[in-house]
Amino acid sequence: MGKESQETDPHVLAILKKQQVLDKIAGDITTGLSESDRAKIPGFTDVEVDPEHNHLRLHWKGTPPQRVQRILAELPKGVTAEVVVVPAPAGVVHRRGPLIAVGAL
């Protein structure tokens, strides 16, 4: 399929529209931070957008904060999401400051 026919193909246009909606939701979740700055979000590890299925997959260490849970609870009609809980690495204790490996002290 040539570029011109892709730009007018209804399926492609529908996917692009879904992509825009999912990208906005992902931006709301990550407060608009760039991918490199998202490491500053406590617990956040990744967000995947799947416009073919109109679905978001959020990877989080532990439970996402209330702000993120509210966003997920108020998704636009037809959009689905899931949270994949990512376990903390073995032997690591989380606290408000830097991560500390158990036995390193």
C-alpha atoms as a PDB file:
ATOM      1  CA  MET A   1       0.000   0.000   0.000  1.00  0.00           C
ATOM      2  CA  GLY A   2       1.443   3.371  -1.025  1.00  0.00           C
ATOM      3  CA  LYS A   3       1.767   6.332   1.310  1.00  0.00           C
ATOM      4  CA  GLU A   4      -1.191   8.171  -0.244  1.00  0.00           C
ATOM      5  CA  SER A   5      -3.545   5.208   0.163  1.00  0.00           C
ATOM      6  CA  GLN A   6      -2.370   4.714   3.778  1.00  0.00           C
ATOM      7  CA  GLU A   7      -3.245   8.338   4.554  1.00  0.00           C
ATOM      8  CA  THR A   8      -6.829   7.786   3.395  1.00  0.00           C
ATOM      9  CA  ASP A   9      -7.347   4.157   4.464  1.00  0.00           C
ATOM     10  CA  PRO A  10     -10.135   4.179   7.094  1.00  0.00           C
ATOM     11  CA  HIS A  11      -8.434   1.437   9.140  1.00  0.00           C
ATOM     12  CA  VAL A  12      -5.138   3.336   9.251  1.00  0.00           C
ATOM     13  CA  LEU A  13      -6.937   6.569  10.168  1.00  0.00           C
ATOM     14  CA  ALA A  14      -8.820   4.793  12.986  1.00  0.00           C
ATOM     15  CA  ILE A  15      -5.552   3.363  14.349  1.00  0.00           C
ATOM     16  CA  LEU A  16      -3.900   6.791  14.225  1.00  0.00           C
ATOM     17  CA  LYS A  17      -6.822   8.324  16.114  1.00  0.00           C
ATOM     18  CA  LYS A  18      -6.600   5.608  18.785  1.00  0.00           C
ATOM     19  CA  GLN A  19      -2.835   6.156  18.995  1.00  0.00           C
ATOM     20  CA  GLN A  20      -3.381   9.862  19.709  1.00  0.00           C
ATOM     21  CA  VAL A  21      -5.871   9.108  22.495  1.00  0.00           C
ATOM     22  CA  LEU A  22      -3.597   6.484  24.067  1.00  0.00           C
ATOM     23  CA  ASP A  23      -0.567   8.790  23.822  1.00  0.00           C
ATOM     24  CA  LYS A  24      -2.508  11.537  25.630  1.00  0.00           C
ATOM     25  CA  ILE A  25      -3.473   9.143  28.435  1.00  0.00           C
ATOM     26  CA  ALA A  26       0.137   7.934  28.702  1.00  0.00           C
ATOM     27  CA  GLY A  27       1.247  11.575  28.851  1.00  0.00           C
ATOM     28  CA  ASP A  28      -1.259  12.283  31.626  1.00  0.00           C
ATOM     29  CA  ILE A  29       0.012   9.265  33.580  1.00  0.00           C
ATOM     30  CA  THR A  30       3.645  10.281  33.153  1.00  0.00           C
ATOM     31  CA  THR A  31       2.854  13.978  33.703  1.00  0.00           C
ATOM     32  CA  GLY A  32       4.308  14.767  30.290  1.00  0.00           C
ATOM     33  CA  LEU A  33       7.850  13.758  31.231  1.00  0.00           C
ATOM     34  CA  SER A  34      10.180  12.577  28.491  1.00  0.00           C
ATOM     35  CA  GLU A  35      10.995   8.878  28.407  1.00  0.00           C
ATOM     36  CA  SER A  36      14.398   9.536  29.984  1.00  0.00           C
ATOM     37  CA  ASP A  37      12.856  11.567  32.838  1.00  0.00           C
ATOM     38  CA  ARG A  38      10.130   9.020  33.623  1.00  0.00           C
ATOM     39  CA  ALA A  39      12.550   7.219  35.942  1.00  0.00           C
ATOM     40  CA  LYS A  40      11.864  10.078  38.374  1.00  0.00           C
ATOM     41  CA  ILE A  41       8.265   8.860  38.823  1.00  0.00           C
ATOM     42  CA  PRO A  42       8.262   6.669  41.954  1.00  0.00           C
ATOM     43  CA  GLY A  43       7.326   3.110  41.014  1.00  0.00           C
ATOM     44  CA  PHE A  44       6.847   3.751  37.303  1.00  0.00           C
ATOM     45  CA  THR A  45       8.722   1.369  35.010  1.00  0.00           C
ATOM     46  CA  ASP A  46       6.999   1.460  31.602  1.00  0.00           C
ATOM     47  CA  VAL A  47       3.848   2.186  29.633  1.00  0.00           C
ATOM     48  CA  GLU A  48       2.898   0.390  26.433  1.00  0.00           C
ATOM     49  CA  VAL A  49       0.247   1.607  24.018  1.00  0.00           C
ATOM     50  CA  ASP A  50      -1.504  -0.811  21.684  1.00  0.00           C
ATOM     51  CA  PRO A  51      -3.682   1.143  19.257  1.00  0.00           C
ATOM     52  CA  GLU A  52      -4.733  -2.013  17.391  1.00  0.00           C
ATOM     53  CA  HIS A  53      -6.555  -3.133  20.556  1.00  0.00           C
ATOM     54  CA  ASN A  54      -7.135   0.371  22.009  1.00  0.00           C
ATOM     55  CA  HIS A  55      -5.267  -0.779  25.112  1.00  0.00           C
ATOM     56  CA  LEU A  56      -2.696   0.575  27.573  1.00  0.00           C
ATOM     57  CA  ARG A  57      -0.393  -1.615  29.642  1.00  0.00           C
ATOM     58  CA  LEU A  58       1.191   0.143  32.592  1.00  0.00           C
ATOM     59  CA  HIS A  59       4.147  -1.423  34.407  1.00  0.00           C
ATOM     60  CA  TRP A  60       4.495  -0.272  38.019  1.00  0.00           C
ATOM     61  CA  LYS A  61       6.458  -1.317  41.098  1.00  0.00           C
ATOM     62  CA  GLY A  62       3.701  -1.819  43.649  1.00  0.00           C
ATOM     63  CA  THR A  63       0.380  -0.019  43.467  1.00  0.00           C
ATOM     64  CA  PRO A  64       0.150   3.089  41.286  1.00  0.00           C
ATOM     65  CA  PRO A  65      -0.656   6.320  43.162  1.00  0.00           C
ATOM     66  CA  GLN A  66      -4.257   7.530  43.492  1.00  0.00           C
ATOM     67  CA  ARG A  67      -3.756  10.091  40.709  1.00  0.00           C
ATOM     68  CA  VAL A  68      -2.871   7.326  38.239  1.00  0.00           C
ATOM     69  CA  GLN A  69      -5.652   5.065  39.517  1.00  0.00           C
ATOM     70  CA  ARG A  70      -8.158   7.894  38.881  1.00  0.00           C
ATOM     71  CA  ILE A  71      -6.899   8.306  35.305  1.00  0.00           C
ATOM     72  CA  LEU A  72      -7.302   4.565  34.726  1.00  0.00           C
ATOM     73  CA  ALA A  73     -10.789   4.589  36.278  1.00  0.00           C
ATOM     74  CA  GLU A  74     -11.921   7.363  33.916  1.00  0.00           C
ATOM     75  CA  LEU A  75     -10.662   6.049  30.572  1.00  0.00           C
ATOM     76  CA  PRO A  76     -12.565   7.078  27.454  1.00  0.00           C
ATOM     77  CA  LYS A  77     -15.200   4.662  26.165  1.00  0.00           C
ATOM     78  CA  GLY A  78     -13.603   1.712  24.379  1.00  0.00           C
ATOM     79  CA  VAL A  79     -10.140   2.174  25.897  1.00  0.00           C
ATOM     80  CA  THR A  80      -8.912  -0.587  28.194  1.00  0.00           C
ATOM     81  CA  ALA A  81      -5.904  -0.697  30.478  1.00  0.00           C
ATOM     82  CA  GLU A  82      -4.097  -3.023  32.789  1.00  0.00           C
ATOM     83  CA  VAL A  83      -1.442  -2.568  35.437  1.00  0.00           C
ATOM     84  CA  VAL A  84       1.363  -5.088  35.483  1.00  0.00           C
ATOM     85  CA  VAL A  85       2.898  -5.103  38.961  1.00  0.00           C
ATOM     86  CA  VAL A  86       6.660  -5.307  38.667  1.00  0.00           C
ATOM     87  CA  PRO A  87       8.311  -6.876  41.709  1.00  0.00           C
ATOM     88  CA  ALA A  88      11.201  -5.059  43.343  1.00  0.00           C
ATOM     89  CA  PRO A  89      14.559  -6.750  42.816  1.00  0.00           C
ATOM     90  CA  ALA A  90      15.385  -9.313  45.496  1.00  0.00           C
ATOM     91  CA  GLY A  91      17.385  -7.913  48.393  1.00  0.00           C
ATOM     92  CA  VAL A  92      16.375  -4.305  47.828  1.00  0.00           C
ATOM     93  CA  VAL A  93      14.535  -2.259  50.428  1.00  0.00           C
ATOM     94  CA  HIS A  94      12.567   0.754  49.201  1.00  0.00           C
ATOM     95  CA  ARG A  95      12.523   3.944  51.199  1.00  0.00           C
ATOM     96  CA  ARG A  96      11.995   7.591  50.356  1.00  0.00           C
ATOM     97  CA  GLY A  97      15.653   8.067  49.456  1.00  0.00           C
ATOM     98  CA  PRO A  98      17.936   5.993  47.229  1.00  0.00           C
ATOM     99  CA  LEU A  99      17.576   2.235  46.977  1.00  0.00           C
ATOM    100  CA  ILE A 100      19.756   0.327  49.410  1.00  0.00           C
ATOM    101  CA  ALA A 101      20.868  -3.237  48.811  1.00  0.00           C
ATOM    102  CA  VAL A 102      20.404  -5.371  51.918  1.00  0.00           C
ATOM    103  CA  GLY A 103      23.787  -6.290  53.352  1.00  0.00           C
ATOM    104  CA  ALA A 104      25.526  -3.328  51.741  1.00  0.00           C
ATOM    105  CA  LEU A 105      25.635  -1.383  54.980  1.00  0.00           C
END
